């Protein structure tokens, strides 16, 4: 039990120490009125709203998660029976097809 606590506490203390030291020795900029301006040359920002479709980012996030998990599974499955590899890949392909169909239905 004490080993588990130490294995969590020691890296946490090292991380906190590095964060604290980095905050102490990092370069600090001086505050001036030009830095708080909303635009680089001192002009006001244009009143145009950006049309950002956040749902497309979620689609890319799901793609990333699928391929990330698939990569881990495949890297661990080289010594496994090929039927197990196929059983792991089949749901991934099904999920990719489902997402592709949903994106086409939404109009993305």
Protein backbone atom coordinates (compact mmCIF):
# COMPACT_ATOMS: atom_id res chain seq x y z
CA UNK A 1 0.00 0.00 0.00
CA UNK A 2 2.83 2.39 0.85
CA UNK A 3 4.48 1.59 -2.49
CA UNK A 4 1.38 2.68 -4.36
CA UNK A 5 1.19 5.94 -2.41
CA UNK A 6 4.87 6.65 -3.01
CA UNK A 7 4.58 5.84 -6.72
CA UNK A 8 1.94 8.57 -6.99
CA UNK A 9 3.36 11.08 -4.51
CA UNK A 10 6.98 11.18 -5.71
CA UNK A 11 6.23 12.00 -9.39
CA UNK A 12 3.62 14.51 -8.24
CA UNK A 13 6.19 16.24 -6.02
CA UNK A 14 8.73 16.30 -8.86
CA UNK A 15 6.15 17.80 -11.22
CA UNK A 16 5.18 20.45 -8.68
CA UNK A 17 8.83 21.30 -8.05
CA UNK A 18 9.53 21.67 -11.79
CA UNK A 19 6.42 23.82 -12.21
CA UNK A 20 7.38 26.04 -9.28
CA UNK A 21 11.01 26.42 -10.42
CA UNK A 22 9.89 27.17 -13.97
CA UNK A 23 7.54 29.87 -12.71
CA UNK A 24 10.36 31.46 -10.73
CA UNK A 25 13.01 31.52 -13.46
CA UNK A 26 10.83 32.17 -16.53
CA UNK A 27 11.04 35.50 -18.33
CA UNK A 28 8.40 37.98 -17.25
CA UNK A 29 7.27 40.64 -19.67
CA UNK A 30 6.51 44.18 -18.66
CA UNK A 31 2.91 45.38 -18.83
CA UNK A 32 2.36 48.19 -21.31
CA UNK A 33 -0.81 49.63 -22.87
CA UNK A 34 -0.08 48.18 -26.31
CA UNK A 35 -0.27 44.60 -25.04
CA UNK A 36 -3.83 44.95 -23.84
CA UNK A 37 -5.11 46.30 -27.16
CA UNK A 38 -7.51 43.91 -28.86
CA UNK A 39 -5.77 44.02 -32.24
CA UNK A 40 -2.12 43.89 -33.24
CA UNK A 41 -1.83 47.41 -34.66
CA UNK A 42 -4.09 49.08 -32.11
CA UNK A 43 -7.25 49.05 -34.20
CA UNK A 44 -10.50 47.64 -32.95
CA UNK A 45 -11.41 44.17 -34.04
CA UNK A 46 -13.76 43.94 -37.00
CA UNK A 47 -17.32 43.07 -36.09
CA UNK A 48 -17.41 39.92 -38.22
CA UNK A 49 -18.50 36.75 -36.49
CA UNK A 50 -16.56 33.66 -37.40
CA UNK A 51 -18.64 30.78 -38.64
CA UNK A 52 -16.99 27.89 -36.87
CA UNK A 53 -18.64 24.50 -37.09
CA UNK A 54 -17.62 22.80 -33.86
CA UNK A 55 -19.30 19.54 -34.78
CA UNK A 56 -16.62 18.86 -37.39
CA UNK A 57 -13.99 19.00 -34.65
CA UNK A 58 -15.88 16.28 -32.77
CA UNK A 59 -15.87 14.10 -35.87
CA UNK A 60 -12.08 14.48 -36.11
CA UNK A 61 -11.83 13.74 -32.40
CA UNK A 62 -13.75 10.51 -32.84
CA UNK A 63 -11.57 9.55 -35.81
CA UNK A 64 -8.45 10.20 -33.75
CA UNK A 65 -9.73 8.14 -30.84
CA UNK A 66 -10.67 5.25 -33.10
CA UNK A 67 -7.27 5.16 -34.79
CA UNK A 68 -5.42 5.69 -31.54
CA UNK A 69 -7.17 2.79 -29.85
CA UNK A 70 -6.80 0.67 -32.97
CA UNK A 71 -3.06 1.37 -33.01
CA UNK A 72 -2.69 0.25 -29.41
CA UNK A 73 -4.74 -2.87 -30.02
CA UNK A 74 -2.78 -3.79 -33.13
CA UNK A 75 0.57 -3.16 -31.48
CA UNK A 76 -0.38 -5.54 -28.68
CA UNK A 77 -1.99 -8.12 -30.95
CA UNK A 78 0.98 -9.30 -33.01
CA UNK A 79 1.39 -12.34 -30.80
CA UNK A 80 -2.34 -13.05 -30.65
CA UNK A 81 -4.44 -15.34 -32.77
CA UNK A 82 -5.48 -13.64 -36.06
CA UNK A 83 -9.16 -14.18 -35.27
CA UNK A 84 -8.78 -11.92 -32.24
CA UNK A 85 -7.20 -9.23 -34.38
CA UNK A 86 -10.13 -9.44 -36.79
CA UNK A 87 -12.57 -9.23 -33.87
CA UNK A 88 -10.87 -6.03 -32.72
CA UNK A 89 -10.70 -4.45 -36.18
CA UNK A 90 -14.31 -5.21 -37.20
CA UNK A 91 -15.96 -2.79 -34.70
CA UNK A 92 -13.46 -0.11 -35.68
CA UNK A 93 -14.35 -0.41 -39.34
CA UNK A 94 -18.05 -0.45 -38.46
CA UNK A 95 -17.64 2.73 -36.41
CA UNK A 96 -15.77 4.46 -39.23
CA UNK A 97 -18.48 3.54 -41.71
CA UNK A 98 -21.18 4.74 -39.31
CA UNK A 99 -19.43 8.08 -38.81
CA UNK A 100 -18.89 8.51 -42.55
CA UNK A 101 -22.58 7.87 -43.23
CA UNK A 102 -23.63 10.28 -40.46
CA UNK A 103 -21.33 13.02 -41.79
CA UNK A 104 -22.80 12.65 -45.28
CA UNK A 105 -26.34 12.79 -43.85
CA UNK A 106 -25.57 15.96 -41.90
CA UNK A 107 -24.00 17.52 -44.96
CA UNK A 108 -20.39 17.72 -43.80
